Amino acid sequence: MVRLYNTLTRKQEIFEPLNDNTVTMYVCGPTVYDYFHIGNARPLVVFDTLRRYLEYRGYKVKYVQNFTDIDDKMIKRANQEGITVKELGDRFIQEYFVDAKGLNIRPADVHPRATEHITDMIEFIKKLIDKGVAYVVDGNVYFDTSKFPQYGKLSHQDFNEIEAGARVEVNESKRNPMDFVLWKAQKPGEPAWDSPWGMGRPGWHMECSVMSMKYLGDTIDIHGGGQDLIFPHHENEIAQSESLTGKPLARFWLHNGYINVDGQKMSKSLGNFFTVRDISKEYDLETVRIFMLLSHYRSPINFSHQLLEQAKNALARLYNVKFRLEDIKNSSDISAVSEQERAFINDMPRYRQKFIEAMDDDMNTASAMGVIFDLAKDVNILMADGASAEFASEASDMLKELTGVMGLLYKDSACSQLDNEIEQMIQKRQQARANRDWATADRIRDELKAMGIVLEDTPQGVRWKRI
């Protein structure tokens, strides 16, 4: 049984969808004013993997991920570039899909944009005012948190103790500091839409409530995002949605941990971020994906180039096994299956079972990846002195099955990128040897060995082979 940690209850719970076999899942997407950094990428990878695993376990998943295409940062950036906010949003939504494809993130079933749902948001706000849980001040509309007694239930905070200004908009026109904006009156030069309260635009929290309910229903199975969204964003979504419908907005709330740099959360506001686009100039983005999967999704990750290098080498080891198996499987050798191979084939379902046990345990990708590496290591040992095509076919299928759930090893052997990286490393080693930099030469040789590559120095030059 799949078990997931629910932020709302602070415990693992057995997961079953509300309606038959279909899982409804909404994940907060990026604000499209720039390329997204790898801190933003983590929830995208995490929930893409969860979606894949739930499908692997036999569920149908209806997956919605929004784009925030109107907010203060977008207005500021558009003004700086002398373009419209829509033009800015269009550009970076296109760029999002480029980087998401590099990370092997499948498109959601629906990618709604905030600006396409303004009318829906206005109707939502009108109903909240009619219910007496929202009020109008000078063209702004605020949610009255005192009218929602459960406010703070997701973040597990007493809102009377929350300091105004800590991710809470300070505004003297609000009845109390915890009230949050549903509709913002237009400021000079800002994009705006007509409403019963004058020209303006919706508050950030409004869009996800509206789009989640529109595409998935009043109560959904899973609402996900980064840990930084617990308060105030998701807390406010709950307050406004549940005040309107009287129903739970989501049954499971899932949040991934931060990616840290020097002990601080990676963020654009702190200036300590690395965009996925920049990293792609140095690393294949599949390396970034496996880097994230090697940790449990709720644990923080410390970002460093050293850890990315380790992830790169780990990915290379898996690809080497994949390619060796494919070479043997497609060879003309018709060797009979040995007794040892037959015993391994018969015992191979245990890897699947261990993988499922790890993923059922709150999607423990770190343990699941350990199972995949154990499989690769054991297969390598059996292939040391050659292997039969039947064994290679069975092992290849199992490796493909498990790594497919993780969104890994999707490049086929015709892809020469890995070989090109190996050749570049060998060239760097040769240059180091020419410079009598033996330490660097030895380090590169060790890195190649860790990737499953053995070098042979011959009179005709350096040759390499996979082991």
Protein backbone atom coordinates (compact mmCIF):
# COMPACT_ATOMS: atom_id res chain seq x y z
CA MET A 1 0.00 0.00 0.00
CA VAL A 2 1.23 3.46 -0.88
CA ARG A 3 1.86 5.58 2.22
CA LEU A 4 2.48 9.33 2.03
CA TYR A 5 3.42 11.91 4.65
CA ASN A 6 0.58 14.38 4.99
CA THR A 7 1.72 17.86 6.10
CA LEU A 8 -1.82 18.48 7.35
CA THR A 9 -1.77 15.62 9.88
CA ARG A 10 2.01 15.41 10.29
CA LYS A 11 2.04 11.67 9.80
CA GLN A 12 2.20 9.00 7.13
CA GLU A 13 -1.16 7.79 5.94
CA ILE A 14 -2.26 5.05 3.58
CA PHE A 15 -3.08 6.69 0.26
CA GLU A 16 -6.15 5.76 -1.70
CA PRO A 17 -7.87 8.08 -4.19
CA LEU A 18 -11.23 9.59 -3.36
CA ASN A 19 -12.90 8.44 -6.57
CA ASP A 20 -12.32 4.90 -7.87
CA ASN A 21 -8.91 4.53 -9.45
CA THR A 22 -8.26 8.13 -10.53
CA VAL A 23 -5.87 10.35 -8.56
CA THR A 24 -6.40 14.10 -8.77
CA MET A 25 -3.19 16.05 -8.16
CA TYR A 26 -2.49 19.78 -8.28
CA VAL A 27 1.06 21.16 -8.02
CA CYS A 28 1.94 24.84 -7.78
CA GLY A 29 4.02 25.83 -10.78
CA PRO A 30 6.51 28.64 -11.37
CA THR A 31 6.07 32.38 -11.67
CA VAL A 32 7.23 32.88 -15.23
CA TYR A 33 9.38 36.01 -15.03
CA ASP A 34 12.73 34.23 -15.49
CA TYR A 35 14.34 30.83 -16.04
CA PHE A 36 13.60 28.58 -13.08
CA HIS A 37 16.43 27.62 -10.73
CA ILE A 38 17.08 24.12 -9.42
CA GLY A 39 15.31 24.95 -6.17
CA ASN A 40 12.19 25.53 -8.29
CA ALA A 41 12.99 22.37 -10.24
CA ARG A 42 12.88 20.10 -7.21
CA PRO A 43 9.08 20.03 -6.78
CA LEU A 44 8.74 19.57 -10.53
CA VAL A 45 10.97 16.47 -10.41
CA VAL A 46 9.44 15.20 -7.15
CA PHE A 47 5.83 15.33 -8.29
CA ASP A 48 6.62 14.10 -11.78
CA THR A 49 8.17 11.05 -10.09
CA LEU A 50 5.15 10.63 -7.81
CA ARG A 51 2.86 10.79 -10.82
CA ARG A 52 4.95 8.12 -12.60
CA TYR A 53 4.93 5.88 -9.53
CA LEU A 54 1.20 6.13 -8.96
CA GLU A 55 0.67 5.19 -12.61
CA TYR A 56 3.12 2.30 -12.15
CA ARG A 57 0.98 1.14 -9.23
CA GLY A 58 -2.06 1.07 -11.51
CA TYR A 59 -3.71 4.42 -10.86
CA LYS A 60 -4.84 6.91 -13.46
CA VAL A 61 -3.50 10.37 -12.55
CA LYS A 62 -5.13 13.63 -13.57
CA TYR A 63 -2.33 16.16 -13.08
CA VAL A 64 -2.63 19.96 -13.11
CA GLN A 65 0.26 22.40 -12.76
CA ASN A 66 -0.31 26.12 -13.14
CA PHE A 67 1.73 29.05 -14.39
CA THR A 68 1.59 32.29 -12.40
CA ASP A 69 1.77 34.83 -15.21
CA ILE A 70 0.80 38.01 -13.35
CA ASP A 71 2.44 39.33 -10.18
CA ASP A 72 4.69 42.13 -8.93
CA LYS A 73 7.92 40.49 -10.14
CA MET A 74 6.53 40.00 -13.62
CA ILE A 75 5.35 43.60 -13.82
CA LYS A 76 8.76 44.87 -12.71
CA ARG A 77 10.67 42.68 -15.18
CA ALA A 78 8.35 43.54 -18.08
CA ASN A 79 8.75 47.26 -17.37
CA GLN A 80 12.53 46.88 -17.27
CA GLU A 81 12.51 45.19 -20.67
CA GLY A 82 9.92 47.49 -22.19
CA ILE A 83 7.53 44.66 -23.07
CA THR A 84 4.08 43.62 -21.88
CA VAL A 85 3.61 41.19 -19.01
CA LYS A 86 1.94 38.81 -21.45
CA GLU A 87 4.95 38.87 -23.75
CA LEU A 88 7.20 38.14 -20.80
CA GLY A 89 4.97 35.28 -19.66
CA ASP A 90 4.74 33.77 -23.14
CA ARG A 91 8.53 33.80 -23.43
CA PHE A 92 9.33 32.14 -20.14
CA ILE A 93 6.54 29.57 -20.42
CA GLN A 94 8.21 28.45 -23.64
CA GLU A 95 11.57 28.38 -21.86
CA TYR A 96 10.04 26.40 -19.01
CA PHE A 97 9.11 23.59 -21.37
CA VAL A 98 12.65 23.52 -22.78
CA ASP A 99 14.19 22.98 -19.33
CA ALA A 100 11.39 20.67 -18.17
CA LYS A 101 12.01 18.45 -21.18
CA GLY A 102 15.72 18.35 -20.31
CA LEU A 103 14.76 17.12 -16.83
CA ASN A 104 12.42 14.55 -18.43
CA ILE A 105 9.41 16.11 -16.72
CA ARG A 106 6.25 15.09 -18.53
CA PRO A 107 3.77 17.88 -19.31
CA ALA A 108 0.79 18.07 -16.98
CA ASP A 109 -2.64 17.18 -18.29
CA VAL A 110 -3.53 20.86 -17.88
CA HIS A 111 -1.18 23.85 -17.57
CA PRO A 112 -3.59 26.70 -16.73
CA ARG A 113 -2.43 30.31 -16.67
CA ALA A 114 -3.66 32.72 -14.04
CA THR A 115 -4.57 35.42 -16.58
CA GLU A 116 -6.86 32.99 -18.39
CA HIS A 117 -9.04 32.59 -15.28
CA ILE A 118 -9.64 36.16 -14.10
CA THR A 119 -13.42 35.89 -14.57
CA ASP A 120 -13.50 32.68 -12.52
CA MET A 121 -11.53 34.39 -9.75
CA ILE A 122 -13.85 37.39 -9.67
CA GLU A 123 -16.85 35.07 -9.29
CA PHE A 124 -15.06 33.19 -6.50
CA ILE A 125 -14.34 36.44 -4.63
CA LYS A 126 -17.91 37.68 -5.03
CA LYS A 127 -19.17 34.50 -3.35
CA LEU A 128 -16.74 34.95 -0.45
CA ILE A 129 -18.00 38.53 0.06
CA ASP A 130 -21.59 37.27 -0.04
CA LYS A 131 -20.72 34.73 2.65
CA GLY A 132 -19.34 37.49 4.85
CA VAL A 133 -15.78 36.14 4.98
CA ALA A 134 -14.26 38.83 2.75
CA TYR A 135 -14.47 42.62 2.77
CA VAL A 136 -13.70 45.55 0.45
CA VAL A 137 -11.44 48.51 1.30
CA ASP A 138 -10.60 51.15 -1.33
CA GLY A 139 -10.92 48.75 -4.27
CA ASN A 140 -8.98 45.97 -2.51
CA VAL A 141 -10.68 42.81 -1.29
CA TYR A 142 -9.35 40.98 1.78
CA PHE A 143 -10.13 37.61 3.30
CA ASP A 144 -11.12 37.87 6.96
CA THR A 145 -9.10 35.15 8.67
CA SER A 146 -11.02 35.60 11.91
CA LYS A 147 -14.01 34.06 10.09
CA PHE A 148 -12.09 30.81 9.49
CA PRO A 149 -11.39 29.29 12.93
CA GLN A 150 -9.11 26.59 11.49
CA TYR A 151 -6.69 29.13 10.03
CA GLY A 152 -3.17 27.82 10.67
CA LYS A 153 -4.09 24.12 10.60
CA LEU A 154 -1.68 23.29 7.75
CA SER A 155 1.35 25.18 9.08
CA HIS A 156 0.40 24.17 12.64
CA GLN A 157 0.72 27.72 13.89
CA ASP A 158 -1.47 29.84 16.14
CA PHE A 159 -2.15 32.83 13.89
CA ASN A 160 -2.33 35.08 16.95
CA GLU A 161 1.38 34.41 17.45
CA ILE A 162 2.47 34.88 13.84
CA GLU A 163 4.42 38.07 13.41
CA ALA A 164 3.05 40.49 10.83
CA GLY A 165 5.57 40.96 8.05
CA ALA A 166 6.80 37.35 8.13
CA ARG A 167 5.55 36.53 4.63
CA VAL A 168 2.40 38.49 5.54
CA GLU A 169 1.52 41.73 3.78
CA VAL A 170 1.49 44.61 6.27
CA ASN A 171 -1.33 47.00 5.45
CA GLU A 172 -3.16 49.39 7.79
CA SER A 173 -6.38 49.01 5.79
CA LYS A 174 -6.72 45.36 6.84
CA ARG A 175 -8.87 44.49 9.84
CA ASN A 176 -6.09 42.34 11.29
CA PRO A 177 -2.53 41.55 10.20
CA MET A 178 -3.30 37.99 9.11
CA ASP A 179 -5.98 38.99 6.59
CA PHE A 180 -4.75 38.47 3.02
CA VAL A 181 -5.58 40.08 -0.28
CA LEU A 182 -7.97 38.47 -2.74
CA TRP A 183 -8.11 41.38 -5.19
CA LYS A 184 -5.58 44.20 -5.59
CA ALA A 185 -6.68 47.65 -6.74
CA GLN A 186 -4.76 48.86 -9.78
CA LYS A 187 -1.66 50.97 -9.30
CA PRO A 188 -0.53 53.39 -12.02
CA GLY A 189 0.95 51.60 -15.02
CA GLU A 190 -0.06 48.10 -13.89
CA PRO A 191 -2.08 45.63 -16.00
CA ALA A 192 -5.61 45.41 -14.69
CA TRP A 193 -9.01 43.84 -15.24
CA ASP A 194 -12.43 45.28 -14.56
CA SER A 195 -14.27 44.00 -11.50
CA PRO A 196 -17.17 44.99 -9.21
CA TRP A 197 -14.55 46.66 -6.97
CA GLY A 198 -12.82 48.61 -9.75
CA MET A 199 -9.84 47.91 -11.97
CA GLY A 200 -7.31 45.55 -10.47
CA ARG A 201 -5.91 42.01 -10.44
CA PRO A 202 -6.24 38.91 -8.25
CA GLY A 203 -4.01 38.13 -5.31
CA TRP A 204 -1.52 35.30 -5.72
CA HIS A 205 -3.34 32.80 -3.48
CA MET A 206 -6.59 33.08 -5.40
CA GLU A 207 -5.41 31.49 -8.64
CA CYS A 208 -4.57 28.03 -7.31
CA SER A 209 -7.88 27.64 -5.46
CA VAL A 210 -9.83 28.55 -8.55
CA MET A 211 -7.85 26.43 -11.00
CA SER A 212 -7.65 23.40 -8.71
CA MET A 213 -11.42 23.42 -8.21
CA LYS A 214 -12.17 24.12 -11.86
CA TYR A 215 -10.12 21.26 -13.30
CA LEU A 216 -10.14 18.71 -10.46
CA GLY A 217 -13.17 19.41 -8.24
CA ASP A 218 -13.89 20.86 -4.82
CA THR A 219 -11.81 18.22 -3.01
CA ILE A 220 -8.69 16.75 -4.62
CA ASP A 221 -6.45 13.88 -3.57
CA ILE A 222 -3.03 15.54 -3.53
CA HIS A 223 -1.92 19.17 -3.44
CA GLY A 224 1.84 19.58 -3.71
CA GLY A 225 4.60 22.13 -3.76
CA GLY A 226 7.77 23.27 -2.08
CA GLN A 227 8.10 23.58 1.67
CA ASP A 228 8.14 27.37 1.37
CA LEU A 229 4.52 27.31 0.14
CA ILE A 230 3.06 25.83 3.33
CA PHE A 231 2.64 29.33 4.77
CA PRO A 232 1.12 31.57 3.65
CA HIS A 233 0.23 30.30 0.19
CA HIS A 234 -1.27 26.89 0.91
CA GLU A 235 -2.65 28.00 4.26
CA ASN A 236 -4.52 30.79 2.49
CA GLU A 237 -5.73 28.49 -0.26
CA ILE A 238 -7.31 26.28 2.39
CA ALA A 239 -8.99 29.20 4.15
CA GLN A 240 -10.59 30.73 1.07
CA SER A 241 -11.53 27.43 -0.62
CA GLU A 242 -12.98 25.70 2.42
CA SER A 243 -14.86 28.84 3.46
CA LEU A 244 -16.54 28.78 0.05
CA THR A 245 -17.32 25.07 -0.30
CA GLY A 246 -17.40 23.77 3.28
CA LYS A 247 -15.32 20.82 2.02
CA PRO A 248 -11.61 19.92 2.40
CA LEU A 249 -9.58 21.43 -0.44
CA ALA A 250 -7.15 18.50 -0.49
CA ARG A 251 -6.90 15.21 1.38
CA PHE A 252 -3.10 14.99 1.22
CA TRP A 253 -0.72 17.94 1.35
CA LEU A 254 2.81 17.05 0.21
CA HIS A 255 5.83 19.35 0.41
CA ASN A 256 9.41 18.81 -0.67
CA GLY A 257 12.42 20.10 1.25
CA TYR A 258 14.68 22.97 0.25
CA ILE A 259 17.82 22.90 -1.81
CA ASN A 260 20.42 24.72 0.28
CA VAL A 261 23.61 26.57 -0.59
CA ASP A 262 25.98 27.15 2.33
CA GLY A 263 23.21 26.30 4.77
CA GLN A 264 20.68 28.74 3.28
CA LYS A 265 17.65 27.98 1.14
CA MET A 266 18.35 28.58 -2.54
CA SER A 267 16.25 31.52 -3.71
CA LYS A 268 16.34 34.39 -6.16
CA SER A 269 15.74 36.89 -3.37
CA LEU A 270 18.97 35.78 -1.66
CA GLY A 271 20.88 35.73 -4.95
CA ASN A 272 22.35 32.29 -4.22
CA PHE A 273 20.60 30.46 -7.02
CA PHE A 274 21.65 28.53 -10.12
CA THR A 275 19.20 28.35 -12.99
CA VAL A 276 18.57 25.03 -14.65
CA ARG A 277 19.51 26.69 -17.93
CA ASP A 278 22.94 27.69 -16.60
CA ILE A 279 23.58 24.24 -15.14
CA SER A 280 22.65 22.64 -18.46
CA LYS A 281 25.72 24.28 -20.00
CA GLU A 282 27.94 22.14 -17.76
CA TYR A 283 25.81 19.08 -16.97
CA ASP A 284 23.28 17.02 -18.80
CA LEU A 285 19.98 17.70 -17.01
CA GLU A 286 19.41 14.01 -16.40
CA THR A 287 22.29 14.41 -13.94
CA VAL A 288 20.26 17.06 -12.11
CA ARG A 289 17.28 14.72 -11.98
CA ILE A 290 19.21 11.81 -10.45
CA PHE A 291 20.93 14.27 -8.07
CA MET A 292 17.49 15.10 -6.66
CA LEU A 293 16.27 11.51 -6.57
CA LEU A 294 19.26 10.37 -4.52
CA SER A 295 17.70 12.12 -1.50
CA HIS A 296 14.30 11.68 0.10
CA TYR A 297 11.98 14.36 -1.20
CA ARG A 298 11.23 15.81 2.24
CA SER A 299 14.91 16.09 3.20
CA PRO A 300 16.96 19.20 2.42
CA ILE A 301 19.63 18.85 -0.26
CA ASN A 302 22.95 20.66 -0.14
CA PHE A 303 23.89 21.86 -3.59
CA SER A 304 27.50 21.61 -4.75
CA HIS A 305 29.36 20.82 -7.94
CA GLN A 306 31.03 17.95 -6.11
CA LEU A 307 27.66 16.31 -5.46
CA LEU A 308 26.62 16.92 -9.07
CA GLU A 309 29.82 15.20 -10.20
CA GLN A 310 28.98 12.23 -8.00
CA ALA A 311 25.48 12.12 -9.46
CA LYS A 312 26.95 12.33 -12.96
CA ASN A 313 29.24 9.36 -12.28
CA ALA A 314 26.38 7.37 -10.74
CA LEU A 315 24.24 7.98 -13.82
CA ALA A 316 27.13 6.96 -16.07
CA ARG A 317 27.48 3.65 -14.20
CA LEU A 318 23.82 2.89 -14.81
CA TYR A 319 24.10 3.78 -18.49
CA ASN A 320 27.14 1.54 -18.86
CA VAL A 321 25.14 -1.40 -17.54
CA LYS A 322 22.21 -0.50 -19.79
CA PHE A 323 24.41 -0.29 -22.89
CA ARG A 324 26.32 -3.51 -22.11
CA LEU A 325 23.06 -5.39 -21.67
CA GLU A 326 21.74 -4.03 -24.95
CA ASP A 327 24.94 -4.98 -26.77
CA ILE A 328 24.72 -8.55 -25.47
CA LYS A 329 20.99 -8.80 -26.08
CA ASN A 330 21.40 -7.68 -29.69
CA SER A 331 24.52 -9.73 -30.42
CA SER A 332 24.54 -12.85 -32.61
CA ASP A 333 25.85 -14.95 -29.70
CA ILE A 334 23.30 -17.63 -28.81
CA SER A 335 25.00 -18.92 -25.68
CA ALA A 336 22.78 -21.01 -23.45
CA VAL A 337 21.65 -19.58 -20.14
CA SER A 338 23.95 -20.75 -17.37
CA GLU A 339 22.61 -22.20 -14.12
CA GLN A 340 23.82 -19.12 -12.30
CA GLU A 341 21.99 -16.85 -14.76
CA ARG A 342 18.82 -18.92 -14.50
CA ALA A 343 18.88 -18.67 -10.72
CA PHE A 344 19.36 -14.91 -10.98
CA ILE A 345 16.49 -14.53 -13.47
CA ASN A 346 14.17 -16.53 -11.21
CA ASP A 347 15.17 -14.38 -8.23
CA MET A 348 14.99 -11.06 -10.09
CA PRO A 349 11.44 -10.10 -8.93
CA ARG A 350 12.93 -9.42 -5.48
CA TYR A 351 14.43 -6.20 -6.88
CA ARG A 352 10.98 -5.08 -7.99
CA GLN A 353 9.54 -5.95 -4.58
CA LYS A 354 12.25 -4.01 -2.71
CA PHE A 355 11.79 -1.08 -5.08
CA ILE A 356 8.04 -1.02 -4.43
CA GLU A 357 8.59 -1.28 -0.67
CA ALA A 358 10.87 1.77 -0.80
CA MET A 359 8.54 3.83 -2.96
CA ASP A 360 5.46 2.83 -0.96
CA ASP A 361 7.24 4.22 2.10
CA ASP A 362 6.48 7.90 1.42
CA MET A 363 8.17 7.76 -1.98
CA ASN A 364 11.64 7.05 -0.60
CA THR A 365 13.52 7.58 -3.85
CA ALA A 366 16.88 7.38 -2.07
CA SER A 367 16.21 3.78 -1.01
CA ALA A 368 14.61 2.97 -4.37
CA MET A 369 17.72 4.22 -6.19
CA GLY A 370 19.77 1.99 -3.86
CA VAL A 371 17.78 -1.01 -5.14
CA ILE A 372 18.50 0.03 -8.73
CA PHE A 373 22.23 0.33 -8.01
CA ASP A 374 22.21 -3.09 -6.33
CA LEU A 375 20.58 -4.54 -9.44
CA ALA A 376 23.16 -2.88 -11.68
CA LYS A 377 26.06 -4.09 -9.51
CA ASP A 378 24.80 -7.69 -9.37
CA VAL A 379 24.17 -7.75 -13.12
CA ASN A 380 27.66 -6.40 -13.75
CA ILE A 381 29.20 -9.19 -11.69
CA LEU A 382 27.38 -11.81 -13.71
CA MET A 383 28.43 -10.17 -16.98
CA ALA A 384 32.12 -10.07 -16.02
CA ASP A 385 32.97 -13.12 -18.13
CA GLY A 386 30.23 -12.72 -20.70
CA ALA A 387 26.52 -13.43 -20.58
CA SER A 388 23.72 -14.99 -22.60
CA ALA A 389 21.30 -12.95 -24.65
CA GLU A 390 18.37 -14.29 -22.62
CA PHE A 391 19.93 -13.16 -19.36
CA ALA A 392 20.74 -9.75 -20.87
CA SER A 393 17.17 -9.38 -22.11
CA GLU A 394 15.63 -10.22 -18.72
CA ALA A 395 18.02 -7.96 -16.80
CA SER A 396 17.57 -5.16 -19.32
CA ASP A 397 13.78 -5.32 -18.94
CA MET A 398 14.00 -5.10 -15.15
CA LEU A 399 16.45 -2.18 -15.27
CA LYS A 400 14.25 -0.37 -17.78
CA GLU A 401 11.12 -0.97 -15.67
CA LEU A 402 12.57 0.45 -12.45
CA THR A 403 14.50 3.37 -13.94
CA GLY A 404 11.50 4.27 -16.07
CA VAL A 405 9.50 4.96 -12.91
CA MET A 406 12.27 7.34 -11.85
CA GLY A 407 12.34 9.04 -15.26
CA LEU A 408 15.94 7.89 -15.88
CA LEU A 409 17.92 6.07 -18.57
CA TYR A 410 15.61 7.27 -21.33
CA LYS A 411 18.42 7.87 -23.83
CA ASP A 412 19.18 4.96 -26.13
CA SER A 413 22.60 3.62 -27.03
CA ALA A 414 22.60 5.62 -30.23
CA CYS A 415 23.10 8.69 -28.07
CA SER A 416 26.79 9.58 -28.15
CA GLN A 417 26.73 12.25 -25.45
CA LEU A 418 28.07 9.91 -22.77
CA ASP A 419 30.90 8.73 -25.03
CA ASN A 420 31.74 12.35 -25.84
CA GLU A 421 32.03 13.15 -22.13
CA ILE A 422 34.38 10.21 -21.65
CA GLU A 423 36.54 11.32 -24.57
CA GLN A 424 36.72 14.85 -23.15
CA MET A 425 37.82 13.51 -19.77
CA ILE A 426 40.50 11.39 -21.44
CA GLN A 427 41.76 14.44 -23.35
CA LYS A 428 41.98 16.40 -20.08
CA ARG A 429 43.92 13.52 -18.54
CA GLN A 430 46.31 13.43 -21.48
CA GLN A 431 46.90 17.18 -21.15
CA ALA A 432 47.56 16.78 -17.44
CA ARG A 433 50.10 14.03 -18.16
CA ALA A 434 51.77 16.24 -20.74
CA ASN A 435 52.02 18.96 -18.08
CA ARG A 436 53.38 16.38 -15.61
CA ASP A 437 50.33 17.08 -13.43
CA TRP A 438 50.15 13.54 -12.15
CA ALA A 439 47.65 14.30 -9.39
CA THR A 440 45.07 15.57 -11.89
CA ALA A 441 45.75 12.69 -14.27
CA ASP A 442 45.25 10.15 -11.50
CA ARG A 443 42.09 11.88 -10.28
CA ILE A 444 40.53 11.76 -13.76
CA ARG A 445 41.51 8.10 -14.13
CA ASP A 446 39.82 7.34 -10.78
CA GLU A 447 36.68 9.26 -11.82
CA LEU A 448 36.51 7.25 -15.04
CA LYS A 449 36.97 4.02 -13.10
CA ALA A 450 34.08 5.02 -10.83
CA MET A 451 32.00 5.46 -14.00
CA GLY A 452 32.89 1.91 -15.05
CA ILE A 453 35.54 2.99 -17.58
CA VAL A 454 38.99 1.38 -17.71
CA LEU A 455 41.84 3.04 -19.60
CA GLU A 456 44.62 1.24 -21.44
CA ASP A 457 47.76 3.23 -22.36
CA THR A 458 49.04 1.70 -25.60
CA PRO A 459 51.70 2.76 -28.14
CA GLN A 460 48.81 3.73 -30.42
CA GLY A 461 47.29 6.00 -27.75
CA VAL A 462 44.76 5.68 -24.96
CA ARG A 463 41.98 3.16 -25.36
CA TRP A 464 39.00 2.76 -23.07
CA LYS A 465 36.40 0.14 -22.42
CA ARG A 466 33.43 -0.36 -20.16
CA ILE A 467 33.69 -2.90 -17.38
